């Protein structure tokens, strides 16, 4: 399988904020051969990277690709059949221009980097694809905020993709998620080492604040049921460390629990690979996104889209709920867009789209092959007469391949 990893200079880029930079660098990876009409754009989640299928871990700092159970030869997004492109988004820290990048004078941008929006991500992806010689896409696929990015493609470039797939996403964040993101950002900016965002070149970085922000994120990604099953109230093992964060003296009297150990471990890994300012920028972009912005409602925002759509949601996901996905499906339906909303039974919470490829893969594969008529996404009888829901029920037989 042919693979490429590189960075493209898009030249001057005008951000939605009205700011601009002279040379927007966009890092990407591609897999497979382009034949003119087989391109699939994969949009990564908040702290993901262009390393979707296992070829750029050294450049991204990630231990492994984030979706290589879905993308690859013979997999749901089959790189023997499709030319797959994944681009790192502006504001991130995996090769695309962001706060940790150097400006034209050779200084680090820091908080002088322009505010970024999902709109900026979409437009930078379109410009990158132009550079790669890719016109109309076979599909745009994204998970989590990457699913919002995919929906933005249907809104902004309605003629540019045959299929749009939004996995574990929504048209906008609800108040609870907005609140938790705000607290996560406050943890970073309250860290004395954040220093107003000017910590580059210093030996002291806002690792404690970033670690807490990541822990809040992980709590959002797991369901109540999955946390209970995975951790319960168990104390951590004898070898578990409790020195990740300063602790009050009385803490030694109480058990250091499995769930604390897990969160500390995840935070410790994360601060080694991600930039605190990028976390601020990207969460603000996610919080700001509203599919209906500039329109009366979601349906009008999607009115020009001429392709087909698949929404995948998970019953245990309270970050982006099945009800939120159904709202998007209803907006497509209002425009007579062929759409399927495939609800997957799962206790894994928001992380299900990453950790349950056996449930995500079959409906995604069938949709890319045949649209909403695909067996695994259209295995339903009549729509619910009360709601009009065209949910595809989940059967174990669909995932036995």
Protein backbone atom coordinates (compact mmCIF):
# COMPACT_ATOMS: atom_id res chain seq x y z
CA UNK A 1 0.00 0.00 0.00
CA UNK A 2 1.36 3.38 -0.99
CA UNK A 3 1.67 5.82 1.91
CA UNK A 4 2.76 9.44 2.13
CA UNK A 5 3.44 11.73 5.05
CA UNK A 6 4.24 15.37 4.57
CA UNK A 7 3.51 19.04 5.08
CA UNK A 8 2.03 21.42 2.52
CA UNK A 9 2.45 25.20 2.61
CA UNK A 10 -0.96 26.71 1.80
CA UNK A 11 0.43 30.25 1.69
CA UNK A 12 -1.53 33.10 3.20
CA UNK A 13 -4.55 31.91 5.10
CA UNK A 14 -7.41 34.11 6.27
CA UNK A 15 -9.00 32.86 9.47
CA UNK A 16 -12.68 33.25 10.30
CA UNK A 17 -11.62 35.62 13.08
CA UNK A 18 -10.39 38.12 10.47
CA UNK A 19 -6.73 37.43 11.30
CA UNK A 20 -4.28 35.93 8.85
CA UNK A 21 -0.88 34.28 8.69
CA UNK A 22 1.44 34.31 5.72
CA UNK A 23 2.25 30.61 5.49
CA UNK A 24 -0.19 28.06 6.87
CA UNK A 25 1.54 24.70 7.08
CA UNK A 26 -0.73 21.65 7.05
CA UNK A 27 0.63 18.22 7.93
CA UNK A 28 -1.11 15.21 6.39
CA UNK A 29 -0.85 11.51 5.75
CA UNK A 30 -2.33 9.61 2.82
CA UNK A 31 -2.82 5.93 2.16
CA UNK A 32 -3.58 4.08 -1.08
CA UNK A 33 -3.70 5.20 -4.70
CA UNK A 34 -5.82 8.04 -6.04
CA UNK A 35 -7.80 7.15 -9.16
CA UNK A 36 -9.83 10.31 -9.58
CA UNK A 37 -12.99 9.54 -7.62
CA UNK A 38 -12.00 7.31 -4.68
CA UNK A 39 -10.73 9.87 -2.16
CA UNK A 40 -11.90 9.66 1.46
CA UNK A 41 -11.08 12.46 3.88
CA UNK A 42 -10.88 11.38 7.53
CA UNK A 43 -11.28 14.17 10.12
CA UNK A 44 -9.58 13.49 13.44
CA UNK A 45 -10.90 14.18 16.93
CA UNK A 46 -9.83 16.92 19.32
CA UNK A 47 -6.32 15.79 20.25
CA UNK A 48 -5.82 13.33 17.41
CA UNK A 49 -3.51 13.77 14.47
CA UNK A 50 -3.03 12.96 10.83
CA UNK A 51 -1.67 9.59 12.00
CA UNK A 52 -4.93 7.72 11.40
CA UNK A 53 -3.49 4.41 10.21
CA UNK A 54 -0.06 3.85 11.66
CA UNK A 55 2.60 5.57 9.57
CA UNK A 56 3.58 8.76 11.35
CA UNK A 57 3.82 8.01 15.05
CA UNK A 58 7.34 9.43 15.30
CA UNK A 59 6.28 12.80 13.91
CA UNK A 60 3.04 13.02 15.86
CA UNK A 61 4.34 11.77 19.17
CA UNK A 62 1.49 9.28 19.43
CA UNK A 63 2.26 5.72 20.45
CA UNK A 64 -0.02 4.29 17.77
CA UNK A 65 -2.42 5.35 15.09
CA UNK A 66 -5.79 6.36 16.43
CA UNK A 67 -8.07 4.47 13.97
CA UNK A 68 -5.99 1.76 12.35
CA UNK A 69 -8.64 -0.81 13.25
CA UNK A 70 -10.91 1.03 10.79
CA UNK A 71 -8.50 2.37 8.15
CA UNK A 72 -6.18 0.02 6.28
CA UNK A 73 -6.00 -2.78 3.70
CA UNK A 74 -9.18 -4.85 3.81
CA UNK A 75 -10.65 -2.80 6.68
CA UNK A 76 -13.83 -0.71 6.80
CA UNK A 77 -12.14 2.19 5.01
CA UNK A 78 -10.20 -0.07 2.70
CA UNK A 79 -6.96 1.49 1.51
CA UNK A 80 -6.81 -1.08 -1.28
CA UNK A 81 -9.93 0.61 -2.67
CA UNK A 82 -9.83 4.17 -1.37
CA UNK A 83 -7.28 6.97 -1.34
CA UNK A 84 -7.46 8.09 2.30
CA UNK A 85 -6.25 11.50 3.45
CA UNK A 86 -6.10 12.74 7.03
CA UNK A 87 -4.88 16.26 7.80
CA UNK A 88 -3.85 17.76 11.12
CA UNK A 89 -6.05 20.76 11.90
CA UNK A 90 -4.87 24.37 12.33
CA UNK A 91 -4.23 25.17 15.97
CA UNK A 92 -2.96 21.67 16.77
CA UNK A 93 0.63 20.68 17.48
CA UNK A 94 1.34 17.74 15.20
CA UNK A 95 2.89 19.54 12.25
CA UNK A 96 0.14 21.94 11.20
CA UNK A 97 0.58 25.59 12.17
CA UNK A 98 -0.57 26.38 15.71
CA UNK A 99 0.45 28.23 18.84
CA UNK A 100 3.63 26.16 19.22
CA UNK A 101 4.77 26.92 15.65
CA UNK A 102 7.28 29.54 14.60
CA UNK A 103 6.08 32.78 13.04
CA UNK A 104 7.85 34.33 9.99
CA UNK A 105 10.35 36.07 12.32
CA UNK A 106 11.36 32.78 13.90
CA UNK A 107 9.57 33.36 17.20
CA UNK A 108 6.94 31.00 18.59
CA UNK A 109 3.41 32.30 17.97
CA UNK A 110 2.06 31.40 21.40
CA UNK A 111 -1.21 33.20 22.01
CA UNK A 112 -0.50 35.53 19.09
CA UNK A 113 -1.66 32.71 16.84
CA UNK A 114 -5.12 33.58 15.45
CA UNK A 115 -8.18 32.02 17.10
CA UNK A 116 -9.27 28.96 15.13
CA UNK A 117 -12.71 27.61 14.25
CA UNK A 118 -14.07 24.42 12.71
CA UNK A 119 -14.70 26.54 9.62
CA UNK A 120 -10.93 27.15 9.42
CA UNK A 121 -10.30 23.41 9.67
CA UNK A 122 -12.69 22.67 6.81
CA UNK A 123 -11.29 25.36 4.53
CA UNK A 124 -7.69 24.29 5.20
CA UNK A 125 -8.61 20.70 4.31
CA UNK A 126 -10.21 21.83 1.06
CA UNK A 127 -7.06 23.79 0.15
CA UNK A 128 -4.85 20.83 1.01
CA UNK A 129 -6.92 18.52 -1.18
CA UNK A 130 -6.63 21.04 -4.02
CA UNK A 131 -2.85 20.86 -3.65
CA UNK A 132 -3.01 17.06 -3.75
CA UNK A 133 -5.10 17.16 -6.94
CA UNK A 134 -8.27 15.88 -5.25
CA UNK A 135 -11.56 17.41 -6.38
CA UNK A 136 -14.84 15.81 -5.36
CA UNK A 137 -14.53 13.33 -2.52
CA UNK A 138 -16.09 9.91 -2.33
CA UNK A 139 -16.63 10.55 1.37
CA UNK A 140 -15.82 12.70 4.37
CA UNK A 141 -15.68 10.71 7.62
CA UNK A 142 -15.08 12.05 11.13
CA UNK A 143 -15.50 11.09 14.75
CA UNK A 144 -16.26 13.31 17.75
CA UNK A 145 -15.38 16.91 16.84
CA UNK A 146 -14.10 15.37 13.60
CA UNK A 147 -17.74 14.43 13.01
CA UNK A 148 -18.66 18.10 13.41
CA UNK A 149 -15.90 18.84 10.90
CA UNK A 150 -17.52 16.34 8.51
CA UNK A 151 -20.92 18.01 8.95
CA UNK A 152 -19.28 21.34 8.21
CA UNK A 153 -18.19 19.90 4.86
CA UNK A 154 -21.82 19.12 4.03
CA UNK A 155 -22.70 22.72 4.89
CA UNK A 156 -19.71 24.57 3.39
CA UNK A 157 -18.92 22.39 0.37
CA UNK A 158 -22.25 20.67 -0.37
CA UNK A 159 -21.19 19.49 -3.84
CA UNK A 160 -17.75 18.23 -2.83
CA UNK A 161 -18.57 14.89 -1.21
CA UNK A 162 -20.79 12.02 -2.29
CA UNK A 163 -21.08 10.70 1.27
CA UNK A 164 -20.76 12.32 4.69
CA UNK A 165 -20.28 10.20 7.82
CA UNK A 166 -20.50 11.76 11.28
CA UNK A 167 -19.60 9.40 14.13
CA UNK A 168 -20.34 10.21 17.79
CA UNK A 169 -20.88 13.89 17.04
CA UNK A 170 -23.53 16.61 17.14
CA UNK A 171 -24.55 19.88 15.54
CA UNK A 172 -23.31 21.73 18.62
CA UNK A 173 -22.23 21.12 22.22
CA UNK A 174 -24.76 21.26 25.03
CA UNK A 175 -24.40 23.40 28.16
CA UNK A 176 -22.93 20.62 30.31
CA UNK A 177 -20.09 19.93 27.89
CA UNK A 178 -19.48 23.65 27.44
CA UNK A 179 -19.18 23.96 31.21
CA UNK A 180 -16.73 21.08 31.55
CA UNK A 181 -14.57 22.44 28.72
CA UNK A 182 -14.55 25.84 30.42
CA UNK A 183 -13.33 24.29 33.67
CA UNK A 184 -10.64 22.35 31.77
CA UNK A 185 -9.36 25.56 30.19
CA UNK A 186 -9.45 27.29 33.57
CA UNK A 187 -7.21 24.53 34.95
CA UNK A 188 -4.61 25.38 32.29
CA UNK A 189 -4.75 29.15 32.57
CA UNK A 190 -4.70 28.99 36.40
CA UNK A 191 -1.44 27.03 36.33
CA UNK A 192 1.29 29.57 37.20
CA UNK A 193 3.54 28.01 34.59
CA UNK A 194 1.07 28.88 31.83
CA UNK A 195 2.41 32.43 32.16
CA UNK A 196 -0.18 33.99 29.87
CA UNK A 197 0.64 31.40 27.23
CA UNK A 198 4.30 32.43 27.05
CA UNK A 199 5.97 29.30 28.37
CA UNK A 200 7.87 28.20 25.26
CA UNK A 201 11.59 27.97 25.86
CA UNK A 202 11.04 27.61 29.59
CA UNK A 203 11.88 24.55 31.64
CA UNK A 204 8.55 25.00 33.43
CA UNK A 205 5.42 24.26 31.44
CA UNK A 206 1.79 24.18 32.59
CA UNK A 207 1.80 20.40 32.87
CA UNK A 208 -0.34 20.26 36.03
CA UNK A 209 -3.07 22.38 34.45
CA UNK A 210 -2.97 20.44 31.18
CA UNK A 211 -3.05 17.15 33.09
CA UNK A 212 -6.19 18.17 34.98
CA UNK A 213 -7.80 19.34 31.73
CA UNK A 214 -7.11 15.96 30.18
CA UNK A 215 -8.53 14.15 33.19
CA UNK A 216 -11.75 16.13 32.87
CA UNK A 217 -11.82 15.10 29.22
CA UNK A 218 -11.41 11.42 30.04
CA UNK A 219 -14.29 11.57 32.51
CA UNK A 220 -16.40 13.01 29.67
CA UNK A 221 -15.36 10.22 27.31
CA UNK A 222 -16.37 7.36 29.61
CA UNK A 223 -19.89 6.38 30.60
CA UNK A 224 -20.99 5.95 34.22
CA UNK A 225 -21.53 2.24 33.54
CA UNK A 226 -18.11 1.72 31.96
CA UNK A 227 -16.34 3.50 34.82
CA UNK A 228 -18.14 1.37 37.36
CA UNK A 229 -17.30 -1.84 35.50
CA UNK A 230 -13.69 -0.86 34.88
CA UNK A 231 -12.80 0.67 38.25
CA UNK A 232 -15.57 0.52 40.83
CA UNK A 233 -14.26 1.66 44.21
CA UNK A 234 -11.19 -0.58 44.10
CA UNK A 235 -7.91 0.62 45.52
CA UNK A 236 -5.01 0.75 43.09
CA UNK A 237 -2.38 -1.95 43.18
CA UNK A 238 0.71 -1.86 45.33
CA UNK A 239 2.85 -0.58 42.45
CA UNK A 240 0.59 2.35 41.61
CA UNK A 241 2.14 5.79 42.03
CA UNK A 242 0.43 8.60 43.84
CA UNK A 243 2.91 11.39 43.19
CA UNK A 244 1.48 12.78 39.94
CA UNK A 245 -0.01 15.80 41.70
CA UNK A 246 0.67 17.55 45.01
CA UNK A 247 -1.48 15.98 47.71
CA UNK A 248 -2.57 17.09 51.14
CA UNK A 249 -0.86 15.23 54.02
CA UNK A 250 -4.06 13.48 55.11
CA UNK A 251 -4.43 11.80 51.70
CA UNK A 252 -2.06 9.00 52.70
CA UNK A 253 -4.65 7.74 55.18
CA UNK A 254 -7.15 7.05 52.38
CA UNK A 255 -6.95 4.54 49.52
CA UNK A 256 -5.53 5.60 46.18
CA UNK A 257 -8.21 4.21 43.92
CA UNK A 258 -8.00 2.53 40.54
CA UNK A 259 -9.92 5.35 38.90
CA UNK A 260 -7.46 7.93 40.26
CA UNK A 261 -4.51 5.87 39.08
CA UNK A 262 -6.05 5.57 35.60
CA UNK A 263 -6.65 9.31 35.31
CA UNK A 264 -3.14 10.12 36.57
CA UNK A 265 -1.62 7.68 34.09
CA UNK A 266 -3.56 9.10 31.14
CA UNK A 267 -2.67 12.65 32.15
CA UNK A 268 1.01 11.82 32.47
CA UNK A 269 1.10 10.38 28.96
CA UNK A 270 -0.83 13.28 27.50
CA UNK A 271 1.31 16.14 28.80
CA UNK A 272 4.33 14.57 27.13
CA UNK A 273 2.75 14.78 23.69
CA UNK A 274 0.38 17.74 23.57
CA UNK A 275 0.67 21.49 23.81
CA UNK A 276 -1.37 23.34 26.46
CA UNK A 277 -2.14 26.32 24.23
CA UNK A 278 -3.32 23.98 21.48
CA UNK A 279 -5.72 22.41 23.97
CA UNK A 280 -7.13 25.86 24.72
CA UNK A 281 -7.47 26.71 21.03
CA UNK A 282 -9.06 23.45 19.94
CA UNK A 283 -11.59 23.19 22.76
CA UNK A 284 -12.69 26.76 22.03
CA UNK A 285 -13.17 25.86 18.36
CA UNK A 286 -15.27 22.84 19.32
CA UNK A 287 -17.32 24.85 21.81
CA UNK A 288 -17.93 27.59 19.26
CA UNK A 289 -19.19 25.32 16.49
CA UNK A 290 -22.88 25.53 15.63
CA UNK A 291 -24.06 23.85 12.44
CA UNK A 292 -26.91 26.35 12.09
CA UNK A 293 -24.69 29.43 12.36
CA UNK A 294 -25.66 31.84 9.60
CA UNK A 295 -28.93 29.99 8.94
CA UNK A 296 -32.32 29.74 10.59
CA UNK A 297 -31.80 26.12 11.61
CA UNK A 298 -29.81 22.96 10.91
CA UNK A 299 -31.99 21.89 7.99
CA UNK A 300 -31.42 25.16 6.14
CA UNK A 301 -27.69 24.91 6.82
CA UNK A 302 -27.68 21.51 5.07
CA UNK A 303 -30.19 22.37 2.34
CA UNK A 304 -27.64 22.48 -0.49
CA UNK A 305 -26.07 19.10 0.28
CA UNK A 306 -26.65 16.67 -2.59
CA UNK A 307 -25.12 13.47 -1.29
CA UNK A 308 -26.03 10.86 1.31
CA UNK A 309 -25.32 10.83 5.03
CA UNK A 310 -24.67 8.33 7.81
CA UNK A 311 -24.87 9.19 11.50
CA UNK A 312 -23.41 6.72 14.01
CA UNK A 313 -24.18 7.21 17.69
CA UNK A 314 -23.72 5.17 20.87
CA UNK A 315 -26.26 4.59 23.62
CA UNK A 316 -23.72 5.08 26.42
CA UNK A 317 -22.32 8.34 25.04
CA UNK A 318 -23.45 11.33 27.10
CA UNK A 319 -20.86 13.65 25.52
CA UNK A 320 -22.58 13.46 22.12
CA UNK A 321 -25.87 11.68 22.62
CA UNK A 322 -28.00 9.57 20.29
CA UNK A 323 -30.67 12.27 20.55
CA UNK A 324 -28.23 14.86 19.23
CA UNK A 325 -27.34 12.64 16.27
CA UNK A 326 -31.04 12.10 15.57
CA UNK A 327 -31.51 15.87 15.45
CA UNK A 328 -28.92 16.03 12.68
CA UNK A 329 -30.51 13.07 10.88
CA UNK A 330 -33.86 14.87 11.03
CA UNK A 331 -32.28 17.95 9.46
CA UNK A 332 -30.99 15.87 6.55
CA UNK A 333 -34.37 14.15 6.27
CA UNK A 334 -36.16 17.48 6.06
CA UNK A 335 -34.17 18.16 2.89
CA UNK A 336 -34.95 14.71 1.43
CA UNK A 337 -31.29 13.72 1.77
CA UNK A 338 -30.88 9.94 1.96
CA UNK A 339 -29.72 9.43 5.55
CA UNK A 340 -29.35 6.59 8.02
CA UNK A 341 -28.88 7.01 11.75
CA UNK A 342 -27.29 3.86 13.11
CA UNK A 343 -27.59 3.61 16.89
CA UNK A 344 -25.09 1.24 18.49
CA UNK A 345 -25.69 -0.36 21.86
CA UNK A 346 -22.57 0.31 23.91
CA UNK A 347 -21.52 0.89 27.51
CA UNK A 348 -18.20 2.44 26.53
CA UNK A 349 -19.34 6.06 26.40
CA UNK A 350 -17.88 8.49 23.89
CA UNK A 351 -14.74 6.40 23.47
CA UNK A 352 -16.83 3.68 21.82
CA UNK A 353 -16.06 5.00 18.33
CA UNK A 354 -12.37 4.27 19.01
CA UNK A 355 -12.53 1.10 21.12
CA UNK A 356 -15.33 -0.85 19.42
CA UNK A 357 -14.23 -1.11 15.77
CA UNK A 358 -16.20 -4.35 15.40
CA UNK A 359 -19.38 -2.29 15.80
CA UNK A 360 -18.30 0.78 13.83
CA UNK A 361 -16.68 -1.00 10.92
CA UNK A 362 -19.54 -2.96 9.27
CA UNK A 363 -22.07 -0.12 8.89
CA UNK A 364 -19.31 2.24 7.81
CA UNK A 365 -17.99 -0.21 5.21
CA UNK A 366 -21.45 -0.88 3.81
CA UNK A 367 -22.31 2.81 3.64
CA UNK A 368 -19.11 3.64 1.73
CA UNK A 369 -19.93 0.80 -0.66
CA UNK A 370 -23.64 1.41 -1.24
CA UNK A 371 -24.86 4.47 0.67
CA UNK A 372 -27.93 4.16 2.85
CA UNK A 373 -28.96 1.02 0.96
CA UNK A 374 -25.99 -0.77 2.53
CA UNK A 375 -27.13 -3.83 4.45
CA UNK A 376 -25.68 -2.87 7.83
CA UNK A 377 -26.94 0.71 7.79
CA UNK A 378 -30.41 0.14 6.36
CA UNK A 379 -31.44 -3.01 8.22
CA UNK A 380 -34.71 -1.58 9.47
CA UNK A 381 -38.40 -1.97 8.82
CA UNK A 382 -40.67 1.05 8.72
CA UNK A 383 -39.64 4.35 10.36
CA UNK A 384 -41.12 4.98 13.78
CA UNK A 385 -44.56 6.51 13.08
CA UNK A 386 -44.22 8.97 15.97
CA UNK A 387 -40.72 10.29 15.32
CA UNK A 388 -39.99 9.28 11.73
CA UNK A 389 -36.69 7.86 12.97
CA UNK A 390 -34.95 5.71 10.40
CA UNK A 391 -32.71 4.12 13.02
CA UNK A 392 -30.94 0.96 11.96
CA UNK A 393 -31.14 -1.58 14.77
CA UNK A 394 -27.92 -3.26 15.84
CA UNK A 395 -27.76 -7.04 15.56
CA UNK A 396 -24.85 -9.24 16.59
CA UNK A 397 -25.01 -10.92 13.17
CA UNK A 398 -23.88 -7.68 11.55
CA UNK A 399 -20.61 -7.78 13.43
CA UNK A 400 -19.66 -11.42 13.04
CA UNK A 401 -17.63 -10.97 9.89
